[in-house]
Protein backbone atom coordinates (compact mmCIF):
# COMPACT_ATOMS: atom_id res chain seq x y z
CA MET A 1 -0.03 -0.09 -0.08
CA THR A 2 1.19 3.37 -0.86
CA ALA A 3 2.32 5.46 2.21
CA THR A 4 0.32 8.81 2.45
CA GLN A 5 1.02 11.76 4.77
CA GLN A 6 -2.02 10.44 6.80
CA SER A 7 -0.49 7.09 7.42
CA ILE A 8 2.72 8.60 8.56
CA ALA A 9 0.74 10.87 10.89
CA ARG A 10 -0.96 7.71 12.49
CA HIS A 11 2.53 6.21 12.68
CA VAL A 12 3.95 8.93 14.65
CA GLY A 13 0.91 10.00 16.67
CA VAL A 14 0.79 13.50 15.20
CA SER A 15 -1.75 15.51 12.79
CA ARG A 16 -1.42 15.13 8.96
CA THR A 17 -0.91 18.91 8.88
CA THR A 18 2.18 18.54 11.13
CA VAL A 19 3.53 15.87 8.75
CA SER A 20 2.64 18.13 5.86
CA ARG A 21 4.53 21.02 7.29
CA VAL A 22 7.67 19.01 8.18
CA LEU A 23 7.99 17.06 4.85
CA GLY A 24 7.25 20.12 2.91
CA GLY A 25 9.96 22.27 4.94
CA ASN A 26 7.03 24.79 5.57
CA LEU A 27 7.15 25.55 9.29
CA PRO A 28 5.84 29.04 9.69
CA ASP A 29 6.41 31.31 12.80
CA GLY A 30 4.36 30.18 15.69
CA PHE A 31 4.20 26.40 14.38
CA SER A 32 6.37 24.62 17.06
CA VAL A 33 8.01 21.30 16.14
CA THR A 34 10.97 20.00 18.05
CA PRO A 35 13.85 18.64 15.97
CA GLU A 36 13.38 15.22 17.63
CA LEU A 37 9.84 15.10 16.26
CA GLN A 38 10.78 16.40 12.81
CA GLU A 39 13.38 13.54 12.71
CA ARG A 40 10.87 10.97 13.76
CA ILE A 41 8.53 12.04 10.93
CA HIS A 42 11.47 11.91 8.38
CA GLN A 43 12.31 8.52 9.66
CA ALA A 44 8.79 7.22 9.48
CA ALA A 45 8.34 8.55 5.86
CA ARG A 46 11.74 6.56 4.87
CA GLU A 47 10.48 3.45 6.58
CA LEU A 48 7.03 3.52 5.08
CA GLY A 49 8.43 4.45 1.60
CA TYR A 50 6.65 7.79 1.32
CA ARG A 51 6.93 9.54 -1.91
CA PRO A 52 5.43 13.21 -2.37
CA ASN A 53 2.13 13.08 -4.43
CA SER A 54 3.22 15.76 -7.25
CA ALA A 55 -0.32 15.29 -8.79
CA ALA A 56 -1.79 16.43 -5.59
CA ARG A 57 0.50 19.23 -5.19
CA ALA A 58 0.08 20.47 -8.73
CA ALA A 59 -3.72 20.47 -8.05
CA LYS A 60 -3.45 22.59 -4.93
CA THR A 61 -0.77 25.05 -6.08
CA GLY A 62 -1.49 25.00 -9.99
CA ARG A 63 2.08 24.39 -10.47
CA PHE A 64 4.13 21.35 -11.63
CA ASP A 65 7.41 22.57 -10.79
CA ALA A 66 8.82 21.30 -14.12
CA ALA A 67 9.65 22.65 -17.61
CA ALA A 68 9.62 20.86 -20.94
CA LEU A 69 12.52 21.09 -23.28
CA ILE A 70 10.89 20.46 -26.71
CA ALA A 71 12.89 19.60 -29.84
CA ARG A 72 11.41 18.42 -33.39
CA ALA A 73 11.10 14.60 -33.67
CA GLU A 74 11.72 14.17 -37.41
CA GLU A 75 14.37 16.70 -37.89
CA VAL A 76 18.13 16.33 -38.25
CA ASP A 77 19.07 19.14 -35.94
CA PHE A 78 22.01 20.49 -33.62
CA PHE A 79 21.39 19.08 -30.21
CA PRO A 80 24.39 18.62 -28.03
CA TYR A 81 24.48 17.06 -24.76
CA SER A 82 25.61 20.45 -23.07
CA LEU A 83 22.20 21.89 -24.12
CA VAL A 84 20.33 19.55 -21.82
CA ARG A 85 22.87 19.73 -18.90
CA GLY A 86 22.70 23.69 -18.47
CA ILE A 87 18.96 23.58 -18.50
CA SER A 88 18.71 20.72 -16.21
CA ASP A 89 21.28 22.27 -13.75
CA GLU A 90 19.64 25.75 -13.59
CA LEU A 91 16.12 24.28 -13.14
CA ALA A 92 17.48 22.13 -10.17
CA ARG A 93 18.65 25.49 -8.74
CA HIS A 94 15.04 26.48 -8.84
CA ASP A 95 14.05 23.32 -7.34
CA LYS A 96 12.38 22.27 -10.51
CA HIS A 97 12.94 19.31 -12.78
CA MET A 98 13.16 18.97 -16.68
CA ILE A 99 11.11 16.93 -18.94
CA PHE A 100 12.48 16.37 -22.34
CA ALA A 101 10.09 15.75 -25.45
CA ARG A 102 10.75 14.95 -28.97
CA ILE A 103 7.46 16.23 -30.68
CA PRO A 104 6.70 16.09 -34.64
CA LYS A 105 7.26 19.30 -35.98
CA SER A 106 3.77 19.23 -37.58
CA ARG A 107 2.40 19.35 -33.87
CA ILE A 108 4.83 22.05 -32.69
CA ASP A 109 4.02 24.14 -35.78
CA ASP A 110 0.13 23.69 -35.45
CA GLY A 111 -1.26 26.88 -33.72
CA THR A 112 -3.77 24.93 -31.94
CA GLN A 113 -1.35 22.10 -30.18
CA SER A 114 0.93 23.82 -27.74
CA PRO A 115 -1.61 24.47 -25.03
CA LYS A 116 -2.57 20.74 -25.30
CA ILE A 117 1.18 19.78 -25.24
CA VAL A 118 1.69 21.79 -22.15
CA ARG A 119 -1.10 19.96 -20.42
CA GLU A 120 0.09 16.54 -21.57
CA LEU A 121 3.53 17.10 -20.29
CA SER A 122 2.39 18.57 -17.15
CA VAL A 123 4.82 21.41 -17.06
CA ASP A 124 4.76 25.03 -16.28
CA GLY A 125 6.39 26.18 -19.31
CA MET A 126 8.33 25.36 -22.52
CA LEU A 127 11.93 25.90 -23.73
CA ILE A 128 11.52 25.32 -27.35
CA HIS A 129 14.66 24.20 -29.30
CA GLU A 130 13.56 25.43 -32.94
CA ALA A 131 17.18 25.70 -34.31
CA VAL A 132 16.20 26.21 -38.03
CA ASP A 133 12.97 27.95 -38.39
CA VAL A 134 10.06 28.94 -36.29
CA ALA A 135 6.49 28.87 -37.61
CA PRO A 136 4.76 32.28 -37.19
CA ALA A 137 1.66 30.40 -36.11
CA VAL A 138 3.39 29.15 -33.07
CA THR A 139 4.63 32.60 -31.73
CA GLU A 140 1.19 34.06 -32.46
CA MET A 141 -0.40 30.94 -30.45
CA VAL A 142 2.01 31.37 -27.46
CA ARG A 143 1.42 35.09 -27.56
CA ARG A 144 -2.49 34.76 -27.74
CA HIS A 145 -2.73 32.10 -25.00
CA HIS A 146 -0.07 33.49 -22.83
CA ILE A 147 1.86 30.38 -22.71
CA PRO A 148 5.10 30.73 -20.69
CA ALA A 149 7.66 29.79 -23.64
CA VAL A 150 11.14 30.61 -24.44
CA TRP A 151 12.89 29.75 -27.61
CA ILE A 152 16.72 28.84 -27.53
CA ASN A 153 19.34 28.82 -30.32
CA THR A 154 17.10 30.80 -32.58
CA GLN A 155 15.85 34.43 -33.22
CA THR A 156 12.43 35.73 -32.70
CA PRO A 157 11.19 39.28 -31.92
CA GLY A 158 11.35 38.46 -28.19
CA ASP A 159 11.28 35.79 -25.46
CA CYS A 160 14.38 34.03 -27.08
CA VAL A 161 18.13 33.38 -26.08
CA TYR A 162 20.70 32.46 -28.50
CA PRO A 163 24.56 32.91 -29.16
CA ASP A 164 25.83 36.08 -30.47
CA GLU A 165 27.47 34.78 -33.59
CA HIS A 166 28.97 38.22 -34.59
CA SER A 167 30.94 38.19 -31.32
CA ALA A 168 32.24 34.68 -32.32
CA VAL A 169 33.82 35.77 -35.45
CA GLN A 170 34.97 38.95 -33.79
CA SER A 171 36.86 37.02 -31.24
CA MET A 172 38.46 34.86 -33.73
CA LEU A 173 39.67 37.80 -36.07
CA ASP A 174 40.80 39.85 -33.28
CA THR A 175 42.89 37.00 -31.90
CA LEU A 176 44.31 36.25 -35.30
CA ILE A 177 45.07 39.96 -36.22
CA ARG A 178 46.76 40.44 -32.87
CA LEU A 179 49.06 37.50 -33.59
CA GLY A 180 49.99 39.27 -36.82
CA HIS A 181 47.79 37.47 -39.29
CA ARG A 182 46.72 39.45 -42.40
CA ARG A 183 45.84 36.86 -44.95
CA ILE A 184 42.77 35.31 -43.09
CA ALA A 185 40.40 32.88 -45.25
CA PHE A 186 36.82 31.93 -44.46
CA PHE A 187 36.16 28.41 -45.53
CA GLU A 188 32.50 27.17 -45.40
CA SER A 189 30.93 23.83 -46.22
CA ALA A 190 27.39 24.59 -44.94
CA ILE A 191 25.00 21.88 -44.73
CA ASN A 192 21.35 22.76 -46.07
CA TRP A 193 19.16 19.72 -44.90
CA GLU A 194 16.53 18.88 -47.42
CA ARG A 195 13.11 18.44 -46.26
CA ARG A 196 11.03 15.21 -46.91
CA THR A 197 9.04 17.29 -49.50
CA ARG A 198 12.43 17.64 -51.34
CA THR A 199 12.30 21.18 -51.35
CA SER A 200 15.29 23.09 -50.09
CA GLY A 201 14.79 24.06 -46.28
CA PRO A 202 16.05 27.15 -44.57
CA THR A 203 19.53 27.20 -43.05
CA HIS A 204 20.24 27.99 -39.35
CA TYR A 205 20.53 31.89 -38.73
CA SER A 206 24.03 31.38 -37.68
CA SER A 207 25.38 30.45 -40.94
CA ASP A 208 24.62 33.99 -42.69
CA ALA A 209 25.58 35.76 -39.41
CA ARG A 210 29.00 34.17 -39.35
CA ARG A 211 29.75 34.91 -42.98
CA GLU A 212 28.45 38.35 -42.75
CA ALA A 213 30.39 39.18 -39.52
CA TYR A 214 33.51 37.98 -41.42
CA ARG A 215 32.97 40.32 -44.29
CA HIS A 216 32.23 43.20 -42.09
CA LEU A 217 35.04 42.89 -39.54
CA MET A 218 37.66 42.22 -42.30
CA ALA A 219 36.69 45.23 -44.17
CA ARG A 220 36.78 47.30 -40.97
CA ALA A 221 40.27 46.05 -40.23
CA GLY A 222 41.30 47.16 -43.85
CA LEU A 223 41.95 43.49 -44.82
CA GLU A 224 40.88 41.74 -48.08
CA PRO A 225 38.21 39.08 -47.39
CA MET A 226 39.23 35.61 -48.84
CA LEU A 227 35.84 33.63 -48.80
CA ASP A 228 35.24 30.11 -50.07
CA THR A 229 31.64 29.17 -49.38
CA LYS A 230 29.34 26.46 -50.77
CA SER A 231 26.13 25.21 -49.40
CA TYR A 232 25.34 21.22 -49.93
CA LEU A 233 21.89 19.71 -49.82
CA ALA A 234 21.81 16.60 -47.57
CA ASP A 235 19.14 13.90 -47.90
CA ILE A 236 17.60 13.97 -44.48
CA ASP A 237 16.58 10.26 -44.69
CA SER A 238 20.11 9.13 -45.51
CA PRO A 239 22.35 8.09 -42.59
CA PHE A 240 25.19 9.13 -44.97
CA PRO A 241 24.40 12.66 -46.21
CA TRP A 242 27.84 13.01 -47.57
CA GLY A 243 29.93 11.03 -50.03
CA LYS A 244 27.93 12.37 -53.00
CA PRO A 245 29.51 13.21 -56.26
CA ASP A 246 29.23 17.00 -55.54
CA ASP A 247 31.24 16.83 -52.13
CA ASP A 248 34.47 18.51 -53.23
CA ARG A 249 35.29 20.11 -50.05
CA LEU A 250 38.64 18.50 -49.72
CA ALA A 251 39.52 19.57 -53.32
CA ARG A 252 38.38 22.94 -52.40
CA ALA A 253 40.49 23.11 -49.13
CA ILE A 254 43.66 21.91 -50.98
CA ALA A 255 43.07 24.71 -53.77
CA LEU A 256 42.71 27.32 -51.08
CA LEU A 257 46.09 26.30 -49.33
CA LYS A 258 47.90 26.11 -52.74
CA ARG A 259 46.83 29.39 -54.21
CA PRO A 260 49.60 32.14 -54.47
CA GLY A 261 49.66 34.23 -51.39
CA ARG A 262 48.00 31.40 -49.46
CA PRO A 263 46.24 32.38 -46.21
CA THR A 264 48.23 32.20 -42.97
CA ALA A 265 44.94 31.48 -41.09
CA VAL A 266 41.77 29.98 -41.97
CA VAL A 267 38.46 30.42 -40.16
CA CYS A 268 35.92 27.55 -40.29
CA PRO A 269 32.43 28.35 -39.18
CA ASP A 270 31.36 24.81 -38.47
CA LEU A 271 32.63 21.42 -37.81
CA ASP A 272 31.86 20.16 -41.32
CA SER A 273 34.16 22.86 -42.57
CA VAL A 274 37.18 22.26 -40.41
CA GLY A 275 37.81 18.71 -41.31
CA PRO A 276 38.84 19.26 -44.98
CA VAL A 277 40.96 22.12 -44.03
CA LEU A 278 42.89 20.08 -41.65
CA HIS A 279 43.30 17.25 -43.95
CA ALA A 280 44.52 19.59 -46.77
CA ALA A 281 47.05 21.23 -44.42
CA ALA A 282 48.37 17.90 -43.38
CA GLY A 283 48.57 16.83 -47.05
CA ALA A 284 50.57 20.03 -47.73
CA GLY A 285 53.00 19.47 -44.93
CA LEU A 286 52.07 22.43 -43.18
CA ARG A 287 52.51 22.44 -39.39
CA MET A 288 49.95 23.97 -37.04
CA PRO A 289 50.12 26.63 -35.73
CA GLN A 290 53.70 27.24 -36.97
CA ASP A 291 52.75 27.49 -40.82
CA LEU A 292 49.05 27.75 -40.44
CA SER A 293 46.44 28.80 -37.92
CA VAL A 294 42.90 27.22 -38.09
CA ILE A 295 40.05 28.10 -35.79
CA SER A 296 36.35 26.68 -35.81
CA ILE A 297 33.37 26.96 -33.93
CA HIS A 298 31.78 24.07 -32.45
CA SER A 299 29.95 23.09 -29.12
CA GLU A 300 32.75 21.09 -27.67
CA ALA A 301 36.43 20.65 -28.03
CA ILE A 302 37.79 19.00 -31.15
CA THR A 303 40.59 16.56 -30.46
CA GLN A 304 40.12 13.65 -33.15
CA ILE A 305 43.33 14.58 -34.97
CA GLY A 306 45.49 13.93 -31.91
CA GLN A 307 45.66 17.71 -31.54
CA SER A 308 43.40 20.13 -29.74
CA VAL A 309 41.72 22.15 -32.64
CA SER A 310 41.43 25.85 -31.65
CA VAL A 311 37.60 26.38 -31.10
CA ALA A 312 35.39 29.31 -30.23
CA LEU A 313 33.02 27.33 -28.02
CA ILE A 314 29.26 28.06 -28.52
CA PRO A 315 28.42 29.35 -25.03
CA LEU A 316 25.65 26.58 -24.58
CA TYR A 317 25.77 26.40 -20.88
CA THR A 318 25.47 30.19 -20.51
CA TYR A 319 22.45 30.60 -22.68
CA ASP A 320 20.75 27.65 -21.16
CA VAL A 321 20.97 29.32 -17.77
CA ARG A 322 19.81 32.54 -19.25
CA ALA A 323 16.88 30.97 -20.95
CA VAL A 324 15.61 29.32 -17.80
CA GLN A 325 15.97 32.43 -15.87
CA MET A 326 13.84 33.94 -18.58
CA LEU A 327 11.27 31.20 -18.37
CA GLU A 328 10.89 31.62 -14.75
CA LYS A 329 9.90 35.24 -15.39
CA LYS A 330 7.64 34.25 -18.06
CA ILE A 331 5.77 31.72 -15.77
CA GLU A 332 5.37 34.41 -13.19
CA GLN A 333 3.98 36.96 -15.84
CA PRO A 334 3.07 35.01 -19.21
CA ALA A 335 1.85 38.10 -20.81
CA MET A 336 4.93 39.94 -20.60
CA GLN A 337 7.36 39.68 -23.51
CA MET A 338 11.03 39.61 -22.64
CA PRO A 339 13.58 41.10 -24.93
CA ARG A 340 15.60 38.69 -26.71
CA GLU A 341 19.06 38.08 -25.45
CA ALA A 342 22.34 37.40 -27.54
CA ILE A 343 24.93 35.50 -25.45
CA PRO A 344 28.61 36.49 -26.53
CA TYR A 345 31.45 33.90 -27.04
CA ASP A 346 34.65 33.69 -25.22
CA PRO A 347 37.94 34.02 -27.15
CA PRO A 348 38.99 30.83 -28.98
CA VAL A 349 40.92 28.00 -26.99
CA GLY A 350 43.17 25.31 -28.61
CA ALA A 351 46.44 24.61 -29.99
CA THR A 352 46.00 25.12 -33.79
CA HIS A 353 46.45 28.90 -33.74
CA GLY A 354 49.56 31.05 -33.05
CA PRO A 355 51.59 33.91 -34.33
CA ALA A 356 51.77 34.55 -38.12
CA PRO A 357 54.53 32.80 -39.80
CA ARG A 358 57.52 35.20 -40.64
CA ARG A 359 58.55 33.61 -43.95
CA LYS A 360 56.35 34.39 -46.75
CA PRO A 361 54.15 31.45 -47.49
């Protein structure tokens, strides 16, 4: 038989109210319970196998003390473990827990479904990971129903937290320019995931933001941009999206490093771009960072080549914490729109960037 507060009260010989106060840590002024009696109540709860009835508490308070992290079920999306860790840690600091749900895009984007999703998950609010695109119907539905929701890793007019991609590129270029580099290339092999409808879907906002930041900051520094960019369509249904005839990333990287007046440094805006450059450099006998500096952007350290690749780390943990803090305010005031917040990057760390080579490449 499941232990209840009433059964604990009978076991100890006190009122159920006393048990409720002690187990809930809610002892108001004037409610006198000795430390010995508190320990007896806690001991009885352990012996009887008592577990708090969250459903009863939710019915009484109207709160579930939980938030949902929602991702789209059928999309290939950027979803690193750090995304979950930061949210879970910050919710725990608020004495709440996280529920993770992968929900079909059709349900997320359906303007009538989100209130039902909130009820089904038994949560007080939602953190929506819509990394690629956000349906206008969803933002309108959240606004209309005053649903506490915060979008992460995407840009909406408000109620969102995302990495500041301009600061990422600026930290990389500032570091390289300070080390004496003047020929700094931007090598991009962006993936554009193809929808099941076989139409080209949108890319994440970061792709354009990083490319435009490079152009702007190089011009501001009085340096000539060296861009090598190409977008690939990848079949979302295939477990091996690369390996297609048009995958010329390695050939492009080799050509970049063989050109007259080759770059002394290469900025790679994503993990798919850095691999070809590293292989091309190794094939050309270029040492890193003595002959060539390479910096990428990623969610974690890149060490697969036996060397710590220099990386501007996506501030996942920081924007997770800020997203939960924003959601806490939204739960208290659902109708209030919070200004969107961009989280800056720290300077790059790793072993593949250093002073520009003294001899002419």
